Amino acid sequence: MALKVKLVRSMSGHTEKHRATLRGMGLTRVGRERVLQDTPAIRGMINKVSYLVQWSETNDAFKPFGRRSLAKAQRAAAKGAKA
């Protein structure tokens, strides 16, 4: 089970802690959607910024995002191509 989270209100004018929470979930622009793992930590993050996001439960698979996970996937693909 996963959670689909969408940023529906702007981060500007809100506390730095709430903006950091949104960035931690990968929500940097209004309209951006992410599929996140359903864990107590993510539920707490959603609860903290619930007035800025919409969320729903989904059966979509969680896909890692960000520079680190992208670089890791690229290294794995290059390693598989060599073998």
PDB file of N, CA and C in Angstrom:
ATOM      1  N   MET A   1       0.849  -1.175   0.000  1.00  0.00           N
ATOM      2  CA  MET A   1       0.000   0.000   0.000  1.00  0.00           C
ATOM      3  C   MET A   1       0.894   1.238   0.000  1.00  0.00           C
ATOM      4  N   ALA A   2       0.472   2.249  -0.701  1.00  0.00           N
ATOM      5  CA  ALA A   2       1.240   3.489  -0.787  1.00  0.00           C
ATOM      6  C   ALA A   2       0.275   4.666  -0.655  1.00  0.00           C
ATOM      7  N   LEU A   3       0.846   5.840  -0.517  1.00  0.00           N
ATOM      8  CA  LEU A   3       0.063   7.062  -0.409  1.00  0.00           C
ATOM      9  C   LEU A   3       0.413   7.990  -1.556  1.00  0.00           C
ATOM     10  N   LYS A   4      -0.580   8.535  -2.220  1.00  0.00           N
ATOM     11  CA  LYS A   4      -0.358   9.523  -3.261  1.00  0.00           C
ATOM     12  C   LYS A   4      -0.616  10.888  -2.632  1.00  0.00           C
ATOM     13  N   VAL A   5       0.408  11.744  -2.629  1.00  0.00           N
ATOM     14  CA  VAL A   5       0.342  13.042  -1.974  1.00  0.00           C
ATOM     15  C   VAL A   5       0.548  14.129  -3.029  1.00  0.00           C
ATOM     16  N   LYS A   6      -0.289  15.172  -2.989  1.00  0.00           N
ATOM     17  CA  LYS A   6      -0.207  16.263  -3.956  1.00  0.00           C
ATOM     18  C   LYS A   6      -0.182  17.590  -3.211  1.00  0.00           C
ATOM     19  N   LEU A   7       0.747  18.470  -3.576  1.00  0.00           N
ATOM     20  CA  LEU A   7       0.829  19.798  -2.996  1.00  0.00           C
ATOM     21  C   LEU A   7      -0.200  20.690  -3.678  1.00  0.00           C
ATOM     22  N   VAL A   8      -1.143  21.230  -2.911  1.00  0.00           N
ATOM     23  CA  VAL A   8      -2.226  22.031  -3.490  1.00  0.00           C
ATOM     24  C   VAL A   8      -2.149  23.509  -3.107  1.00  0.00           C
ATOM     25  N   ARG A   9      -1.329  23.852  -2.119  1.00  0.00           N
ATOM     26  CA  ARG A   9      -1.148  25.241  -1.741  1.00  0.00           C
ATOM     27  C   ARG A   9       0.336  25.560  -1.718  1.00  0.00           C
ATOM     28  N   SER A  10       0.668  26.820  -1.942  1.00  0.00           N
ATOM     29  CA  SER A  10       2.055  27.257  -1.997  1.00  0.00           C
ATOM     30  C   SER A  10       2.721  27.175  -0.633  1.00  0.00           C
ATOM     31  N   MET A  11       4.038  26.979  -0.664  1.00  0.00           N
ATOM     32  CA  MET A  11       4.811  26.928   0.572  1.00  0.00           C
ATOM     33  C   MET A  11       5.122  28.319   1.100  1.00  0.00           C
ATOM     34  N   SER A  12       5.056  29.335   0.264  1.00  0.00           N
ATOM     35  CA  SER A  12       5.455  30.676   0.686  1.00  0.00           C
ATOM     36  C   SER A  12       4.538  31.186   1.789  1.00  0.00           C
ATOM     37  N   GLY A  13       5.148  31.836   2.755  1.00  0.00           N
ATOM     38  CA  GLY A  13       4.407  32.385   3.867  1.00  0.00           C
ATOM     39  C   GLY A  13       4.178  31.421   5.007  1.00  0.00           C
ATOM     40  N   HIS A  14       4.718  30.210   4.904  1.00  0.00           N
ATOM     41  CA  HIS A  14       4.544  29.222   5.961  1.00  0.00           C
ATOM     42  C   HIS A  14       5.874  28.988   6.658  1.00  0.00           C
ATOM     43  N   THR A  15       5.823  28.338   7.805  1.00  0.00           N
ATOM     44  CA  THR A  15       7.032  28.179   8.621  1.00  0.00           C
ATOM     45  C   THR A  15       8.080  27.331   7.910  1.00  0.00           C
ATOM     46  N   GLU A  16       9.328  27.567   8.291  1.00  0.00           N
ATOM     47  CA  GLU A  16      10.438  26.830   7.683  1.00  0.00           C
ATOM     48  C   GLU A  16      10.332  25.333   7.970  1.00  0.00           C
ATOM     49  N   LYS A  17       9.833  24.958   9.135  1.00  0.00           N
ATOM     50  CA  LYS A  17       9.680  23.533   9.460  1.00  0.00           C
ATOM     51  C   LYS A  17       8.684  22.868   8.520  1.00  0.00           C
ATOM     52  N   HIS A  18       7.617  23.549   8.187  1.00  0.00           N
ATOM     53  CA  HIS A  18       6.623  22.975   7.285  1.00  0.00           C
ATOM     54  C   HIS A  18       7.166  22.902   5.861  1.00  0.00           C
ATOM     55  N   ARG A  19       7.922  23.904   5.448  1.00  0.00           N
ATOM     56  CA  ARG A  19       8.541  23.860   4.111  1.00  0.00           C
ATOM     57  C   ARG A  19       9.548  22.722   4.032  1.00  0.00           C
ATOM     58  N   ALA A  20      10.315  22.512   5.095  1.00  0.00           N
ATOM     59  CA  ALA A  20      11.288  21.407   5.123  1.00  0.00           C
ATOM     60  C   ALA A  20      10.576  20.060   5.075  1.00  0.00           C
ATOM     61  N   THR A  21       9.445  19.961   5.740  1.00  0.00           N
ATOM     62  CA  THR A  21       8.660  18.724   5.707  1.00  0.00           C
ATOM     63  C   THR A  21       8.198  18.431   4.285  1.00  0.00           C
ATOM     64  N   LEU A  22       7.715  19.446   3.596  1.00  0.00           N
ATOM     65  CA  LEU A  22       7.261  19.265   2.211  1.00  0.00           C
ATOM     66  C   LEU A  22       8.423  18.871   1.304  1.00  0.00           C
ATOM     67  N   ARG A  23       9.569  19.518   1.472  1.00  0.00           N
ATOM     68  CA  ARG A  23      10.734  19.157   0.654  1.00  0.00           C
ATOM     69  C   ARG A  23      11.170  17.727   0.939  1.00  0.00           C
ATOM     70  N   GLY A  24      11.049  17.304   2.191  1.00  0.00           N
ATOM     71  CA  GLY A  24      11.400  15.928   2.554  1.00  0.00           C
ATOM     72  C   GLY A  24      10.510  14.902   1.880  1.00  0.00           C
ATOM     73  N   MET A  25       9.274  15.297   1.581  1.00  0.00           N
ATOM     74  CA  MET A  25       8.363  14.406   0.867  1.00  0.00           C
ATOM     75  C   MET A  25       8.499  14.546  -0.646  1.00  0.00           C
ATOM     76  N   GLY A  26       9.367  15.459  -1.101  1.00  0.00           N
ATOM     77  CA  GLY A  26       9.587  15.636  -2.527  1.00  0.00           C
ATOM     78  C   GLY A  26       8.580  16.551  -3.190  1.00  0.00           C
ATOM     79  N   LEU A  27       7.870  17.341  -2.402  1.00  0.00           N
ATOM     80  CA  LEU A  27       6.864  18.250  -2.943  1.00  0.00           C
ATOM     81  C   LEU A  27       7.457  19.659  -2.964  1.00  0.00           C
ATOM     82  N   THR A  28       7.929  20.084  -4.122  1.00  0.00           N
ATOM     83  CA  THR A  28       8.605  21.371  -4.218  1.00  0.00           C
ATOM     84  C   THR A  28       7.794  22.414  -4.976  1.00  0.00           C
ATOM     85  N   ARG A  29       6.812  21.990  -5.757  1.00  0.00           N
ATOM     86  CA  ARG A  29       6.008  22.925  -6.538  1.00  0.00           C
ATOM     87  C   ARG A  29       4.534  22.568  -6.402  1.00  0.00           C
ATOM     88  N   VAL A  30       3.688  23.575  -6.509  1.00  0.00           N
ATOM     89  CA  VAL A  30       2.251  23.347  -6.452  1.00  0.00           C
ATOM     90  C   VAL A  30       1.860  22.449  -7.628  1.00  0.00           C
ATOM     91  N   GLY A  31       1.064  21.437  -7.352  1.00  0.00           N
ATOM     92  CA  GLY A  31       0.633  20.495  -8.379  1.00  0.00           C
ATOM     93  C   GLY A  31       1.478  19.241  -8.457  1.00  0.00           C
ATOM     94  N   ARG A  32       2.636  19.232  -7.810  1.00  0.00           N
ATOM     95  CA  ARG A  32       3.513  18.066  -7.838  1.00  0.00           C
ATOM     96  C   ARG A  32       2.901  16.941  -7.021  1.00  0.00           C
ATOM     97  N   GLU A  33       2.940  15.735  -7.565  1.00  0.00           N
ATOM     98  CA  GLU A  33       2.427  14.547  -6.884  1.00  0.00           C
ATOM     99  C   GLU A  33       3.555  13.564  -6.661  1.00  0.00           C
ATOM    100  N   ARG A  34       3.519  12.892  -5.541  1.00  0.00           N
ATOM    101  CA  ARG A  34       4.480  11.835  -5.237  1.00  0.00           C
ATOM    102  C   ARG A  34       3.738  10.635  -4.673  1.00  0.00           C
ATOM    103  N   VAL A  35       4.239   9.463  -4.992  1.00  0.00           N
ATOM    104  CA  VAL A  35       3.744   8.226  -4.386  1.00  0.00           C
ATOM    105  C   VAL A  35       4.769   7.844  -3.336  1.00  0.00           C
ATOM    106  N   LEU A  36       4.322   7.825  -2.075  1.00  0.00           N
ATOM    107  CA  LEU A  36       5.219   7.582  -0.950  1.00  0.00           C
ATOM    108  C   LEU A  36       4.812   6.304  -0.228  1.00  0.00           C
ATOM    109  N   GLN A  37       5.772   5.696   0.459  1.00  0.00           N
ATOM    110  CA  GLN A  37       5.488   4.502   1.249  1.00  0.00           C
ATOM    111  C   GLN A  37       4.557   4.871   2.396  1.00  0.00           C
ATOM    112  N   ASP A  38       3.693   3.958   2.760  1.00  0.00           N
ATOM    113  CA  ASP A  38       2.762   4.188   3.864  1.00  0.00           C
ATOM    114  C   ASP A  38       3.423   3.760   5.165  1.00  0.00           C
ATOM    115  N   THR A  39       4.118   4.701   5.809  1.00  0.00           N
ATOM    116  CA  THR A  39       4.784   4.441   7.082  1.00  0.00           C
ATOM    117  C   THR A  39       4.275   5.445   8.116  1.00  0.00           C
ATOM    118  N   PRO A  40       4.458   5.156   9.393  1.00  0.00           N
ATOM    119  CA  PRO A  40       4.047   6.125  10.413  1.00  0.00           C
ATOM    120  C   PRO A  40       4.752   7.478  10.274  1.00  0.00           C
ATOM    121  N   ALA A  41       5.996   7.477   9.828  1.00  0.00           N
ATOM    122  CA  ALA A  41       6.726   8.733   9.657  1.00  0.00           C
ATOM    123  C   ALA A  41       6.086   9.589   8.559  1.00  0.00           C
ATOM    124  N   ILE A  42       5.755   8.975   7.434  1.00  0.00           N
ATOM    125  CA  ILE A  42       5.125   9.710   6.341  1.00  0.00           C
ATOM    126  C   ILE A  42       3.740  10.182   6.758  1.00  0.00           C
ATOM    127  N   ARG A  43       2.998   9.352   7.480  1.00  0.00           N
ATOM    128  CA  ARG A  43       1.674   9.768   7.968  1.00  0.00           C
ATOM    129  C   ARG A  43       1.795  10.986   8.882  1.00  0.00           C
ATOM    130  N   GLY A  44       2.828  11.005   9.726  1.00  0.00           N
ATOM    131  CA  GLY A  44       3.050  12.153  10.602  1.00  0.00           C
ATOM    132  C   GLY A  44       3.397  13.406   9.823  1.00  0.00           C
ATOM    133  N   MET A  45       4.192  13.250   8.770  1.00  0.00           N
ATOM    134  CA  MET A  45       4.544  14.399   7.928  1.00  0.00           C
ATOM    135  C   MET A  45       3.303  14.961   7.242  1.00  0.00           C
ATOM    136  N   ILE A  46       2.455  14.070   6.742  1.00  0.00           N
ATOM    137  CA  ILE A  46       1.220  14.507   6.089  1.00  0.00           C
ATOM    138  C   ILE A  46       0.317  15.209   7.096  1.00  0.00           C
ATOM    139  N   ASN A  47       0.239  14.684   8.302  1.00  0.00           N
ATOM    140  CA  ASN A  47      -0.583  15.293   9.342  1.00  0.00           C
ATOM    141  C   ASN A  47      -0.095  16.706   9.680  1.00  0.00           C
ATOM    142  N   LYS A  48       1.217  16.880   9.680  1.00  0.00           N
ATOM    143  CA  LYS A  48       1.807  18.172  10.029  1.00  0.00           C
ATOM    144  C   LYS A  48       1.461  19.251   9.010  1.00  0.00           C
ATOM    145  N   VAL A  49       1.422  18.893   7.728  1.00  0.00           N
ATOM    146  CA  VAL A  49       1.165  19.879   6.666  1.00  0.00           C
ATOM    147  C   VAL A  49      -0.143  19.568   5.936  1.00  0.00           C
ATOM    148  N   SER A  50      -1.100  19.013   6.645  1.00  0.00           N
ATOM    149  CA  SER A  50      -2.354  18.574   6.011  1.00  0.00           C
ATOM    150  C   SER A  50      -3.115  19.710   5.351  1.00  0.00           C
ATOM    151  N   TYR A  51      -2.920  20.938   5.805  1.00  0.00           N
ATOM    152  CA  TYR A  51      -3.609  22.078   5.214  1.00  0.00           C
ATOM    153  C   TYR A  51      -2.991  22.514   3.881  1.00  0.00           C
ATOM    154  N   LEU A  52      -1.862  21.922   3.508  1.00  0.00           N
ATOM    155  CA  LEU A  52      -1.194  22.259   2.244  1.00  0.00           C
ATOM    156  C   LEU A  52      -1.288  21.154   1.197  1.00  0.00           C
ATOM    157  N   VAL A  53      -1.698  19.958   1.591  1.00  0.00           N
ATOM    158  CA  VAL A  53      -1.655  18.808   0.685  1.00  0.00           C
ATOM    159  C   VAL A  53      -2.991  18.097   0.622  1.00  0.00           C
ATOM    160  N   GLN A  54      -3.151  17.322  -0.449  1.00  0.00           N
ATOM    161  CA  GLN A  54      -4.232  16.348  -0.572  1.00  0.00           C
ATOM    162  C   GLN A  54      -3.560  14.982  -0.679  1.00  0.00           C
ATOM    163  N   TRP A  55      -4.167  13.970  -0.077  1.00  0.00           N
ATOM    164  CA  TRP A  55      -3.567  12.644  -0.167  1.00  0.00           C
ATOM    165  C   TRP A  55      -4.651  11.587  -0.264  1.00  0.00           C
ATOM    166  N   SER A  56      -4.254  10.443  -0.796  1.00  0.00           N
ATOM    167  CA  SER A  56      -5.156   9.305  -0.885  1.00  0.00           C
ATOM    168  C   SER A  56      -4.324   8.027  -0.893  1.00  0.00           C
ATOM    169  N   GLU A  57      -4.949   6.944  -0.498  1.00  0.00           N
ATOM    170  CA  GLU A  57      -4.286   5.648  -0.540  1.00  0.00           C
ATOM    171  C   GLU A  57      -4.372   5.108  -1.959  1.00  0.00           C
ATOM    172  N   THR A  58      -3.334   4.431  -2.388  1.00  0.00           N
ATOM    173  CA  THR A  58      -3.284   3.908  -3.744  1.00  0.00           C
ATOM    174  C   THR A  58      -2.551   2.575  -3.757  1.00  0.00           C
ATOM    175  N   ASN A  59      -2.735   1.842  -4.825  1.00  0.00           N
ATOM    176  CA  ASN A  59      -2.022   0.573  -5.002  1.00  0.00           C
ATOM    177  C   ASN A  59      -0.811   0.736  -5.912  1.00  0.00           C
ATOM    178  N   ASP A  60      -0.529   1.973  -6.338  1.00  0.00           N
ATOM    179  CA  ASP A  60       0.652   2.230  -7.156  1.00  0.00           C
ATOM    180  C   ASP A  60       1.911   1.875  -6.371  1.00  0.00           C
ATOM    181  N   ALA A  61       2.938   1.502  -7.085  1.00  0.00           N
ATOM    182  CA  ALA A  61       4.199   1.149  -6.442  1.00  0.00           C
ATOM    183  C   ALA A  61       4.975   2.407  -6.087  1.00  0.00           C
ATOM    184  N   PHE A  62       5.656   2.366  -4.943  1.00  0.00           N
ATOM    185  CA  PHE A  62       6.526   3.465  -4.524  1.00  0.00           C
ATOM    186  C   PHE A  62       7.741   3.489  -5.438  1.00  0.00           C
ATOM    187  N   LYS A  63       8.060   4.682  -5.953  1.00  0.00           N
ATOM    188  CA  LYS A  63       9.239   4.852  -6.791  1.00  0.00           C
ATOM    189  C   LYS A  63      10.153   5.866  -6.125  1.00  0.00           C
ATOM    190  N   PRO A  64      11.372   5.467  -5.775  1.00  0.00           N
ATOM    191  CA  PRO A  64      12.300   6.421  -5.158  1.00  0.00           C
ATOM    192  C   PRO A  64      12.535   7.610  -6.079  1.00  0.00           C
ATOM    193  N   PHE A  65      12.751   8.785  -5.486  1.00  0.00           N
ATOM    194  CA  PHE A  65      12.981   9.991  -6.260  1.00  0.00           C
ATOM    195  C   PHE A  65      14.173  10.729  -5.672  1.00  0.00           C
ATOM    196  N   GLY A  66      14.678  11.689  -6.382  1.00  0.00           N
ATOM    197  CA  GLY A  66      15.797  12.494  -5.903  1.00  0.00           C
ATOM    198  C   GLY A  66      17.085  12.123  -6.604  1.00  0.00           C
ATOM    199  N   ARG A  67      18.092  12.970  -6.365  1.00  0.00           N
ATOM    200  CA  ARG A  67      19.377  12.796  -7.040  1.00  0.00           C
ATOM    201  C   ARG A  67      20.083  11.518  -6.610  1.00  0.00           C
ATOM    202  N   ARG A  68      20.018  11.177  -5.345  1.00  0.00           N
ATOM    203  CA  ARG A  68      20.732   9.992  -4.874  1.00  0.00           C
ATOM    204  C   ARG A  68      20.164   8.712  -5.469  1.00  0.00           C
ATOM    205  N   SER A  69      18.847   8.590  -5.476  1.00  0.00           N
ATOM    206  CA  SER A  69      18.253   7.365  -6.010  1.00  0.00           C
ATOM    207  C   SER A  69      18.441   7.280  -7.524  1.00  0.00           C
ATOM    208  N   LEU A  70      18.410   8.429  -8.202  1.00  0.00           N
ATOM    209  CA  LEU A  70      18.650   8.442  -9.647  1.00  0.00           C
ATOM    210  C   LEU A  70      20.078   8.009  -9.957  1.00  0.00           C
ATOM    211  N   ALA A  71      21.048   8.543  -9.206  1.00  0.00           N
ATOM    212  CA  ALA A  71      22.443   8.160  -9.413  1.00  0.00           C
ATOM    213  C   ALA A  71      22.659   6.679  -9.108  1.00  0.00           C
ATOM    214  N   LYS A  72      22.010   6.188  -8.077  1.00  0.00           N
ATOM    215  CA  LYS A  72      22.134   4.769  -7.720  1.00  0.00           C
ATOM    216  C   LYS A  72      21.586   3.884  -8.837  1.00  0.00           C
ATOM    217  N   ALA A  73      20.461   4.267  -9.419  1.00  0.00           N
ATOM    218  CA  ALA A  73      19.875   3.496 -10.518  1.00  0.00           C
ATOM    219  C   ALA A  73      20.778   3.531 -11.747  1.00  0.00           C
ATOM    220  N   GLN A  74      21.389   4.670 -12.016  1.00  0.00           N
ATOM    221  CA  GLN A  74      22.279   4.780 -13.162  1.00  0.00           C
ATOM    222  C   GLN A  74      23.536   3.926 -12.975  1.00  0.00           C
ATOM    223  N   ARG A  75      24.075   3.911 -11.754  1.00  0.00           N
ATOM    224  CA  ARG A  75      25.242   3.057 -11.481  1.00  0.00           C
ATOM    225  C   ARG A  75      24.901   1.595 -11.648  1.00  0.00           C
ATOM    226  N   ALA A  76      23.727   1.206 -11.194  1.00  0.00           N
ATOM    227  CA  ALA A  76      23.304  -0.188 -11.309  1.00  0.00           C
ATOM    228  C   ALA A  76      23.110  -0.572 -12.780  1.00  0.00           C
ATOM    229  N   ALA A  77      22.552   0.338 -13.570  1.00  0.00           N
ATOM    230  CA  ALA A  77      22.357   0.066 -14.994  1.00  0.00           C
ATOM    231  C   ALA A  77      23.691  -0.054 -15.720  1.00  0.00           C
ATOM    232  N   ALA A  78      24.642   0.814 -15.367  1.00  0.00           N
ATOM    233  CA  ALA A  78      25.967   0.755 -16.003  1.00  0.00           C
ATOM    234  C   ALA A  78      26.697  -0.530 -15.610  1.00  0.00           C
ATOM    235  N   LYS A  79      26.529  -0.930 -14.367  1.00  0.00           N
ATOM    236  CA  LYS A  79      27.166  -2.154 -13.904  1.00  0.00           C
ATOM    237  C   LYS A  79      26.572  -3.370 -14.612  1.00  0.00           C
ATOM    238  N   GLY A  80      25.258  -3.349 -14.829  1.00  0.00           N
ATOM    239  CA  GLY A  80      24.596  -4.460 -15.524  1.00  0.00           C
ATOM    240  C   GLY A  80      24.981  -4.506 -16.993  1.00  0.00           C
ATOM    241  N   ALA A  81      25.246  -3.368 -17.611  1.00  0.00           N
ATOM    242  CA  ALA A  81      25.621  -3.329 -19.014  1.00  0.00           C
ATOM    243  C   ALA A  81      27.025  -3.893 -19.227  1.00  0.00           C
ATOM    244  N   LYS A  82      27.912  -3.710 -18.246  1.00  0.00           N
ATOM    245  CA  LYS A  82      29.285  -4.216 -18.346  1.00  0.00           C
ATOM    246  C   LYS A  82      29.331  -5.732 -18.222  1.00  0.00           C
ATOM    247  N   ALA A  83      28.435  -6.283 -17.415  1.00  0.00           N
ATOM    248  CA  ALA A  83      28.489  -7.722 -17.150  1.00  0.00           C
ATOM    249  C   ALA A  83      27.911  -8.547 -18.260  1.00  0.00           C
TER     250      ALA A  83
END
